[in-house]
Protein backbone atom coordinates (compact mmCIF):
# COMPACT_ATOMS: atom_id res chain seq x y z
CA UNK A 1 131.36 159.22 154.79
CA UNK A 2 129.11 162.71 156.16
CA UNK A 3 129.82 163.72 152.24
CA UNK A 4 128.27 160.15 150.90
CA UNK A 5 125.44 159.75 152.93
CA UNK A 6 124.65 163.57 151.56
CA UNK A 7 124.96 161.92 148.15
CA UNK A 8 122.91 158.76 149.08
CA UNK A 9 120.19 161.15 151.06
CA UNK A 10 120.08 163.72 147.16
CA UNK A 11 119.80 160.53 144.86
CA UNK A 12 117.02 159.29 147.13
CA UNK A 13 115.26 162.61 146.78
CA UNK A 14 115.92 163.18 142.72
CA UNK A 15 114.25 159.21 142.65
CA UNK A 16 111.27 160.73 144.00
CA UNK A 17 110.83 163.46 141.79
CA UNK A 18 111.11 165.99 144.71
CA UNK A 19 114.00 168.15 145.55
CA UNK A 20 116.39 168.17 148.73
CA UNK A 21 114.71 169.72 151.66
CA UNK A 22 111.18 169.58 149.92
CA UNK A 23 107.89 169.25 152.50
CA UNK A 24 108.29 165.76 153.90
CA UNK A 25 104.50 165.49 153.12
CA UNK A 26 104.73 166.25 149.31
CA UNK A 27 107.43 163.54 149.63
CA UNK A 28 104.91 161.10 150.78
CA UNK A 29 101.74 161.93 148.19
CA UNK A 30 104.52 162.13 145.73
CA UNK A 31 106.06 158.44 146.21
CA UNK A 32 102.69 156.89 146.80
CA UNK A 33 101.29 158.63 143.34
CA UNK A 34 99.15 160.70 144.80
CA UNK A 35 95.76 157.96 145.07
CA UNK A 36 93.97 161.05 146.79
CA UNK A 37 93.66 162.09 143.31
CA UNK A 38 92.52 159.13 141.68
CA UNK A 39 89.44 156.89 141.60
CA UNK A 40 90.75 153.44 142.80
CA UNK A 41 88.95 150.57 142.69
CA UNK A 42 89.71 147.20 144.55
CA UNK A 43 87.73 143.91 143.94
CA UNK A 44 87.33 140.47 145.73
CA UNK A 45 85.32 137.44 145.18
CA UNK A 46 84.74 134.87 148.44
CA UNK A 47 82.45 132.90 149.51
CA UNK A 48 79.85 133.89 151.74
CA UNK A 49 77.67 131.10 153.29
CA UNK A 50 78.22 128.27 150.13
CA UNK A 51 77.66 131.71 147.89
CA UNK A 52 79.83 133.48 145.91
CA UNK A 53 79.76 137.20 146.58
CA UNK A 54 81.70 139.91 144.52
CA UNK A 55 82.89 142.53 147.22
CA UNK A 56 84.19 145.98 145.57
CA UNK A 57 85.90 149.11 147.50
CA UNK A 58 85.91 152.48 145.58
CA UNK A 59 88.17 155.56 146.93
CA UNK A 60 88.52 158.46 145.71
CA UNK A 61 90.12 161.39 148.23
CA UNK A 62 87.98 160.50 151.13
CA UNK A 63 84.64 159.50 149.43
CA UNK A 64 84.55 155.83 149.65
CA UNK A 65 81.79 153.65 148.06
CA UNK A 66 81.46 149.84 149.16
CA UNK A 67 79.26 147.36 147.65
CA UNK A 68 79.00 143.42 147.98
CA UNK A 69 77.18 141.40 146.02
CA UNK A 70 75.66 137.70 146.16
CA UNK A 71 73.58 136.52 143.30
CA UNK A 72 72.36 140.06 141.66
CA UNK A 73 71.74 141.02 145.19
CA UNK A 74 73.90 144.04 146.66
CA UNK A 75 73.90 146.08 149.51
CA UNK A 76 77.12 148.43 150.77
CA UNK A 77 77.83 152.15 152.01
CA UNK A 78 78.64 155.05 150.86
CA UNK A 79 81.03 157.79 152.78
CA UNK A 80 81.31 161.40 151.20
CA UNK A 81 83.88 162.34 153.39
CA UNK A 82 81.93 163.72 156.25
CA UNK A 83 78.70 161.40 156.42
CA UNK A 84 77.61 158.05 155.78
CA UNK A 85 74.94 155.97 154.26
CA UNK A 86 73.98 152.32 153.66
CA UNK A 87 71.98 150.95 150.90
CA UNK A 88 70.43 147.62 150.39
CA UNK A 89 68.48 146.05 147.06
CA UNK A 90 66.96 149.27 145.62
CA UNK A 91 70.46 150.85 146.08
CA UNK A 92 68.27 153.90 147.67
CA UNK A 93 70.55 155.82 150.76
CA UNK A 94 69.48 155.87 154.36
CA UNK A 95 71.89 157.75 157.22
CA UNK A 96 73.74 155.19 158.55
CA UNK A 97 75.70 157.22 161.12
CA UNK A 98 77.37 156.55 164.52
CA UNK A 99 79.59 156.83 167.14
CA UNK A 100 82.76 155.80 164.77
CA UNK A 101 81.66 158.79 161.93
CA UNK A 102 84.58 160.95 163.45
CA UNK A 103 86.74 158.29 163.68
CA UNK A 104 86.24 157.72 159.91
CA UNK A 105 86.62 161.45 158.72
CA UNK A 106 90.40 161.18 159.64
CA UNK A 107 91.05 157.53 158.85
CA UNK A 108 89.53 158.06 155.28
CA UNK A 109 92.20 161.07 154.78
CA UNK A 110 94.76 158.73 155.95
CA UNK A 111 94.00 155.88 154.03
CA UNK A 112 93.67 157.68 150.80
CA UNK A 113 96.66 159.74 151.52
CA UNK A 114 95.04 162.97 151.08
CA UNK A 115 96.05 164.12 154.55
CA UNK A 116 99.85 164.82 152.54
CA UNK A 117 97.66 167.07 149.98
CA UNK A 118 97.94 170.74 150.62
CA UNK A 119 93.74 170.55 149.48
CA UNK A 120 93.43 168.85 153.29
CA UNK A 121 94.81 171.73 155.42
CA UNK A 122 92.98 174.01 152.93
CA UNK A 123 89.69 172.56 153.73
CA UNK A 124 90.23 173.20 157.74
CA UNK A 125 92.34 169.53 158.42
CA UNK A 126 95.26 169.75 160.31
CA UNK A 127 98.42 167.71 160.33
CA UNK A 128 101.93 167.80 162.57
CA UNK A 129 104.85 165.72 163.15
CA UNK A 130 104.38 163.03 165.40
CA UNK A 131 107.98 161.34 165.40
CA UNK A 132 110.18 159.34 162.66
CA UNK A 133 107.79 158.64 159.76
CA UNK A 134 104.65 158.91 161.64
CA UNK A 135 101.70 161.93 161.42
CA UNK A 136 99.34 163.54 164.13
CA UNK A 137 96.31 164.12 161.66
CA UNK A 138 92.72 165.33 162.31
CA UNK A 139 90.24 165.86 159.68
CA UNK A 140 87.52 168.81 160.11
CA UNK A 141 84.79 167.31 162.48
CA UNK A 142 87.29 164.48 163.00
CA UNK A 143 89.02 162.78 165.55
CA UNK A 144 93.10 162.92 166.07
CA UNK A 145 94.73 159.82 164.56
CA UNK A 146 98.22 158.88 164.21
CA UNK A 147 99.50 157.44 160.34
CA UNK A 148 102.62 155.44 160.49
CA UNK A 149 104.66 155.39 157.32
CA UNK A 150 106.97 153.03 156.36
CA UNK A 151 110.53 154.68 156.32
CA UNK A 152 111.81 153.81 153.49
CA UNK A 153 108.70 153.47 150.82
CA UNK A 154 106.58 155.65 152.74
CA UNK A 155 103.80 153.59 152.32
CA UNK A 156 101.14 153.62 155.07
CA UNK A 157 101.81 150.86 157.79
CA UNK A 158 99.37 151.43 160.53
CA UNK A 159 96.77 153.74 162.33
CA UNK A 160 96.99 154.65 165.82
CA UNK A 161 94.50 156.92 168.06
CA UNK A 162 96.38 159.86 170.01
CA UNK A 163 97.08 157.97 172.97
CA UNK A 164 99.51 155.80 170.58
CA UNK A 165 97.15 152.24 170.21
CA UNK A 166 97.07 150.68 167.06
CA UNK A 167 93.15 150.34 165.30
CA UNK A 168 94.49 149.89 161.59
CA UNK A 169 97.60 148.01 159.58
CA UNK A 170 97.96 148.66 155.59
CA UNK A 171 100.04 145.27 153.93
CA UNK A 172 100.28 144.02 150.66
CA UNK A 173 100.15 147.23 148.00
CA UNK A 174 99.77 147.61 144.62
CA UNK A 175 100.28 150.07 141.58
CA UNK A 176 97.62 150.87 139.91
CA UNK A 177 98.99 153.45 137.21
CA UNK A 178 101.54 154.58 139.67
CA UNK A 179 98.98 155.14 142.54
CA UNK A 180 99.51 152.97 145.46
CA UNK A 181 96.62 150.82 147.13
CA UNK A 182 96.40 148.17 149.81
CA UNK A 183 94.64 145.18 149.44
CA UNK A 184 95.43 143.72 152.67
CA UNK A 185 94.03 145.95 155.52
CA UNK A 186 93.27 144.26 158.96
CA UNK A 187 91.66 146.61 162.15
CA UNK A 188 88.76 147.48 163.93
CA UNK A 189 87.15 149.54 161.33
CA UNK A 190 88.53 148.21 157.63
CA UNK A 191 88.98 144.54 157.00
CA UNK A 192 89.39 143.53 153.76
CA UNK A 193 91.85 141.29 151.47
CA UNK A 194 91.27 142.70 147.97
CA UNK A 195 93.10 140.78 145.00
CA UNK A 196 93.02 143.30 141.97
CA UNK A 197 93.32 147.16 142.44
CA UNK A 198 92.59 149.20 139.37
CA UNK A 199 92.02 153.08 138.22
CA UNK A 200 88.78 154.32 136.87
CA UNK A 201 88.58 157.13 134.30
CA UNK A 202 85.33 158.46 135.91
CA UNK A 203 84.30 160.62 138.73
CA UNK A 204 83.04 158.27 142.13
CA UNK A 205 79.77 158.60 142.35
CA UNK A 206 77.19 157.51 145.19
CA UNK A 207 74.62 154.65 143.88
CA UNK A 208 71.39 156.43 142.27
CA UNK A 209 69.28 154.79 144.05
CA UNK A 210 65.16 154.30 142.56
CA UNK A 211 64.42 156.73 139.76
CA UNK A 212 61.36 159.46 141.40
CA UNK A 213 59.28 161.67 140.48
CA UNK A 214 56.58 163.91 141.75
CA UNK A 215 53.27 165.36 140.90
CA UNK A 216 49.91 166.54 142.17
CA UNK A 217 48.93 167.55 146.22
CA UNK A 218 50.32 163.87 147.07
CA UNK A 219 47.44 162.32 148.88
CA UNK A 220 46.52 159.27 149.01
CA UNK A 221 43.36 157.73 151.19
CA UNK A 222 43.93 155.25 154.33
CA UNK A 223 41.64 152.37 154.57
CA UNK A 224 40.58 151.62 157.92
CA UNK A 225 43.23 149.03 158.32
CA UNK A 226 45.68 148.64 161.76
CA UNK A 227 48.63 149.63 159.30
CA UNK A 228 48.65 152.12 156.45
CA UNK A 229 47.39 150.94 153.49
CA UNK A 230 46.83 153.50 150.57
CA UNK A 231 45.77 152.64 146.69
CA UNK A 232 48.68 152.27 144.59
CA UNK A 233 49.66 151.03 140.96
CA UNK A 234 52.49 148.69 139.97
CA UNK A 235 53.23 147.74 136.25
CA UNK A 236 49.69 149.44 135.24
CA UNK A 237 47.41 146.94 137.55
CA UNK A 238 45.51 149.03 140.62
CA UNK A 239 46.95 146.92 144.20
CA UNK A 240 46.94 148.52 147.97
CA UNK A 241 50.52 148.63 148.83
CA UNK A 242 50.99 148.86 152.66
CA UNK A 243 53.96 151.43 154.28
CA UNK A 244 56.26 149.73 156.21
CA UNK A 245 59.30 151.95 157.81
CA UNK A 246 60.18 148.42 159.61
CA UNK A 247 60.97 146.46 156.52
CA UNK A 248 63.48 145.75 153.94
CA UNK A 249 63.46 145.60 150.94
CA UNK A 250 59.77 146.31 149.76
CA UNK A 251 58.27 143.32 148.67
CA UNK A 252 55.27 142.24 146.06
CA UNK A 253 52.87 139.29 147.00
CA UNK A 254 53.98 136.47 144.85
CA UNK A 255 50.04 136.25 143.45
CA UNK A 256 50.57 139.69 141.69
CA UNK A 257 53.94 138.95 140.32
CA UNK A 258 52.58 136.06 138.51
CA UNK A 259 49.89 138.53 137.39
CA UNK A 260 52.55 140.60 136.21
CA UNK A 261 54.57 137.57 134.37
CA UNK A 262 57.17 138.05 136.63
CA UNK A 263 59.83 135.34 137.38
CA UNK A 264 62.12 136.08 140.51
CA UNK A 265 65.47 135.92 140.47
CA UNK A 266 68.21 136.43 143.22
CA UNK A 267 68.17 135.19 146.66
CA UNK A 268 67.78 137.19 149.60
CA UNK A 269 66.80 136.68 153.51
CA UNK A 270 63.42 138.01 154.70
CA UNK A 271 62.42 138.34 158.52
CA UNK A 272 59.14 139.27 159.77
CA UNK A 273 57.16 136.40 162.29
CA UNK A 274 59.37 134.25 160.49
CA UNK A 275 62.40 133.90 158.34
CA UNK A 276 62.84 132.83 154.90
CA UNK A 277 64.69 133.05 151.44
CA UNK A 278 63.50 134.05 148.56
CA UNK A 279 64.08 135.93 145.05
CA UNK A 280 63.19 139.49 143.48
CA UNK A 281 60.94 141.00 141.00
CA UNK A 282 61.83 144.08 139.21
CA UNK A 283 58.62 146.00 138.36
CA UNK A 284 57.52 149.22 137.24
CA UNK A 285 56.55 151.63 137.00
CA UNK A 286 55.32 152.45 140.81
CA UNK A 287 52.91 154.80 141.44
CA UNK A 288 51.82 155.69 145.08
CA UNK A 289 50.40 159.00 146.20
CA UNK A 290 52.37 161.86 144.59
CA UNK A 291 55.19 159.51 143.76
CA UNK A 292 56.11 157.77 141.00
CA UNK A 293 58.90 155.61 140.79
CA UNK A 294 60.50 154.22 136.96
CA UNK A 295 61.27 150.49 137.77
CA UNK A 296 61.90 149.23 141.38
CA UNK A 297 63.11 146.22 142.62
CA UNK A 298 60.65 143.60 145.33
CA UNK A 299 61.76 141.01 147.17
CA UNK A 300 58.69 138.01 146.58
CA UNK A 301 56.90 136.63 149.66
CA UNK A 302 53.30 134.84 150.13
CA UNK A 303 50.52 136.25 150.20
CA UNK A 304 49.61 136.72 154.14
CA UNK A 305 45.67 135.84 154.45
CA UNK A 306 44.97 138.36 157.37
CA UNK A 307 46.15 140.77 155.58
CA UNK A 308 45.10 143.21 153.00
CA UNK A 309 47.93 144.40 150.80
CA UNK A 310 49.67 143.85 147.38
CA UNK A 311 52.82 145.50 147.63
CA UNK A 312 55.08 146.60 151.13
CA UNK A 313 56.55 150.09 150.47
CA UNK A 314 59.63 149.26 152.56
CA UNK A 315 61.83 151.47 154.11
CA UNK A 316 64.21 151.59 151.39
CA UNK A 317 62.16 153.20 148.98
CA UNK A 318 60.22 155.90 151.85
CA UNK A 319 63.91 156.70 151.83
CA UNK A 320 63.20 158.56 148.59
CA UNK A 321 59.92 160.20 149.98
CA UNK A 322 58.20 162.50 152.69
CA UNK A 323 55.46 160.46 154.26
CA UNK A 324 53.07 162.06 156.40
CA UNK A 325 49.90 159.62 158.33
CA UNK A 326 47.09 161.66 159.12
CA UNK A 327 44.75 159.02 160.49
CA UNK A 328 41.81 162.15 161.70
CA UNK A 329 41.97 163.05 158.38
CA UNK A 330 42.32 159.32 156.86
CA UNK A 331 44.85 160.18 154.76
CA UNK A 332 48.44 159.93 153.65
CA UNK A 333 50.80 162.56 151.98
CA UNK A 334 53.59 160.84 149.61
CA UNK A 335 55.48 163.78 148.03
CA UNK A 336 59.09 165.19 147.85
CA UNK A 337 61.28 165.75 150.68
CA UNK A 338 61.29 169.07 151.75
CA UNK A 339 65.16 169.20 152.66
CA UNK A 340 66.83 171.05 155.75
CA UNK A 341 66.25 171.19 159.02
CA UNK A 342 62.90 169.82 161.67
CA UNK A 343 62.11 172.02 164.11
CA UNK A 344 61.07 169.82 167.04
CA UNK A 345 61.64 166.12 165.35
CA UNK A 346 62.87 163.09 166.61
CA UNK A 347 66.49 162.34 165.26
CA UNK A 348 66.59 158.50 163.71
CA UNK A 349 69.24 156.74 163.03
CA UNK A 350 69.56 153.33 161.18
CA UNK A 351 70.40 149.81 161.87
CA UNK A 352 69.94 146.89 159.51
CA UNK A 353 68.55 149.68 156.79
CA UNK A 354 65.14 150.50 159.11
CA UNK A 355 65.02 153.37 161.08
CA UNK A 356 65.45 153.81 165.00
CA UNK A 357 64.04 156.33 167.32
CA UNK A 358 64.45 157.03 171.52
CA UNK A 359 62.05 156.23 173.64
CA UNK A 360 61.84 156.44 177.19
CA UNK A 361 58.90 153.92 178.82
CA UNK A 362 57.95 154.77 182.69
CA UNK A 363 61.36 156.70 182.82
CA UNK A 364 63.53 153.93 181.16
CA UNK A 365 65.13 155.31 177.70
CA UNK A 366 65.93 152.72 175.07
CA UNK A 367 66.35 152.57 171.42
CA UNK A 368 63.45 151.13 169.41
CA UNK A 369 62.46 149.84 165.40
CA UNK A 370 60.11 153.13 164.03
CA UNK A 371 57.80 149.93 162.42
CA UNK A 372 54.56 151.62 160.56
CA UNK A 373 53.89 147.93 160.21
CA UNK A 374 53.00 147.61 163.64
CA UNK A 375 49.33 148.42 164.60
CA UNK A 376 50.60 149.39 168.03
CA UNK A 377 52.22 152.53 169.53
CA UNK A 378 54.53 150.61 171.98
CA UNK A 379 55.57 146.99 171.33
CA UNK A 380 57.90 144.74 173.61
CA UNK A 381 59.30 141.56 173.66
CA UNK A 382 58.69 139.25 176.81
CA UNK A 383 62.35 139.54 177.91
CA UNK A 384 62.21 143.03 177.43
CA UNK A 385 58.85 143.19 179.45
CA UNK A 386 60.69 140.54 182.27
CA UNK A 387 63.42 143.25 183.09
CA UNK A 388 60.78 145.41 184.20
CA UNK A 389 59.16 147.42 185.34
CA UNK A 390 56.26 144.49 184.80
CA UNK A 391 52.67 146.15 184.26
CA UNK A 392 49.72 144.83 185.12
CA UNK A 393 48.58 142.49 182.36
CA UNK A 394 45.07 144.47 180.67
CA UNK A 395 44.14 142.40 178.20
CA UNK A 396 45.05 138.87 176.15
CA UNK A 397 45.24 138.43 172.23
CA UNK A 398 47.08 138.92 169.04
CA UNK A 399 50.03 141.36 168.03
CA UNK A 400 48.83 142.37 164.39
CA UNK A 401 51.53 143.30 162.05
CA UNK A 402 52.18 142.86 157.95
CA UNK A 403 53.91 139.66 158.67
CA UNK A 404 50.46 138.24 160.40
CA UNK A 405 49.56 137.77 164.10
CA UNK A 406 51.12 136.02 167.33
CA UNK A 407 49.40 135.56 170.50
CA UNK A 408 50.66 138.39 172.64
CA UNK A 409 49.10 140.45 175.97
CA UNK A 410 48.78 144.36 176.33
CA UNK A 411 49.57 146.01 179.27
CA UNK A 412 49.11 150.47 179.81
CA UNK A 413 52.57 151.86 180.55
CA UNK A 414 51.96 155.09 182.36
CA UNK A 415 54.29 157.62 181.00
CA UNK A 416 55.94 156.96 177.43
CA UNK A 417 58.04 159.79 175.79
CA UNK A 418 59.22 159.71 172.12
CA UNK A 419 62.52 161.77 172.26
CA UNK A 420 61.11 164.54 173.88
CA UNK A 421 57.64 164.60 173.28
CA UNK A 422 55.00 163.37 175.79
CA UNK A 423 52.70 160.58 174.38
CA UNK A 424 51.33 160.13 178.38
CA UNK A 425 49.78 156.63 178.82
CA UNK A 426 49.92 154.41 176.12
CA UNK A 427 48.63 151.19 175.51
CA UNK A 428 51.46 148.56 174.69
CA UNK A 429 51.66 145.36 173.02
CA UNK A 430 53.89 142.24 174.92
CA UNK A 431 54.71 139.28 172.76
CA UNK A 432 57.12 136.56 172.48
CA UNK A 433 59.21 136.83 169.36
CA UNK A 434 60.27 140.25 169.32
CA UNK A 435 63.89 141.51 169.81
CA UNK A 436 63.83 144.62 170.41
CA UNK A 437 61.09 147.22 171.60
CA UNK A 438 59.11 149.01 168.27
CA UNK A 439 56.98 152.02 168.05
CA UNK A 440 54.38 151.24 165.65
CA UNK A 441 51.59 152.91 163.34
CA UNK A 442 49.32 153.31 166.71
CA UNK A 443 51.36 156.57 166.87
CA UNK A 444 48.39 158.14 165.06
CA UNK A 445 46.33 157.79 167.43
CA UNK A 446 48.44 160.50 169.65
CA UNK A 447 49.43 162.99 166.35
CA UNK A 448 50.09 163.19 163.13
CA UNK A 449 53.08 161.44 161.88
CA UNK A 450 55.64 162.91 159.52
CA UNK A 451 58.41 160.91 158.06
CA UNK A 452 62.05 161.99 156.31
CA UNK A 453 64.08 159.01 156.10
CA UNK A 454 66.88 161.14 154.24
CA UNK A 455 66.90 163.73 157.09
CA UNK A 456 67.03 161.57 159.44
CA UNK A 457 63.80 162.82 161.35
CA UNK A 458 60.77 161.54 162.44
CA UNK A 459 58.01 164.50 163.35
CA UNK A 460 54.88 163.71 166.01
CA UNK A 461 52.73 166.99 166.34
CA UNK A 462 49.79 166.76 168.58
CA UNK A 463 46.23 166.50 166.64
């Protein structure tokens, strides 16, 4: 009987194409068809709010690219194995990192079976046996997770924390050119039911974004407006562009779209003081300071009578440039990103495609949207103000922003800090329509603003 069992084990090993007593990780990688070495693509089509959405998940090793498209409007995320970015209409990558990032670094290595390849350990990852058909995996800079494999097929069945709590499960495997790919993924981080899987011949690459070149000194004149508006051209026509970090996607007013002979297509939702559905146009070139975008996509919005702009340059296109706002000199600098670390800068995080910062208001710290389309230094929603401290009202009037105006009252906050940068006392706007605190363009009365979205940094240098 023992001899028969040894024969059966030998036959199984030969079927997998590996020698008896081979490295069990090599056995598992071979049984799965070495998916980490392939560019695999899963797709599905499903309805979202009555519209047809096409979703695509690409993976190659620990690199992952997710895209969702509805009526020509796409958004998604890019993960290079270490860091994650999000993108929207113009497919410009913006940093999108949170507390789950260390988990993702290891999870991506497990799902792709990169953890079973020698290169994973050579790059600083670790793999240890954690019981029968289970492995404790930790990517470099990642959390420790347990990969649980099927004892017969060696397919990945679930992923758990190092304490044993299951966080992901994988089912409905198919083979794409021999490589195993799970169509059904359920858990706290991945939630997919894909329909098909295939192998792509090309290397997996991030989205290209909006092509931009730079020339000249990059300076553009700021007007006397309460928010940053500079001269620009779009499609050869002179225009006025408002630089609005709180907007995504970028937008063009309907009269300019009509003057350029552009017919909106697709469907997307725009939110400001109101929320409405619209289409987009594709136009170019766009010249802005020292930047020249060959073509870009713009949501189409109605003209706002109180505002003096034709084009909204939102967080998506600003993600391709370095922006310096110097109100004292009356100029904006729009130039190539510098790259590298930003000494003394405040860290940015992105949510919903727009940048957020940490702000401290009279000793209470909170996250705030950095919104250069808001004329205030700080603005609050009424619900946030009610939570206190309720600073005395010093004036009443209108909250002014790119989307128009709304009734508001004003208070003075005795001590404001942007990250660790002290701003002193600051006038703040309180209105009923706002869901979170904003730090706005009024910040330029306190300092010269330097924004590098790609570097996730906001500088505030006292004048």
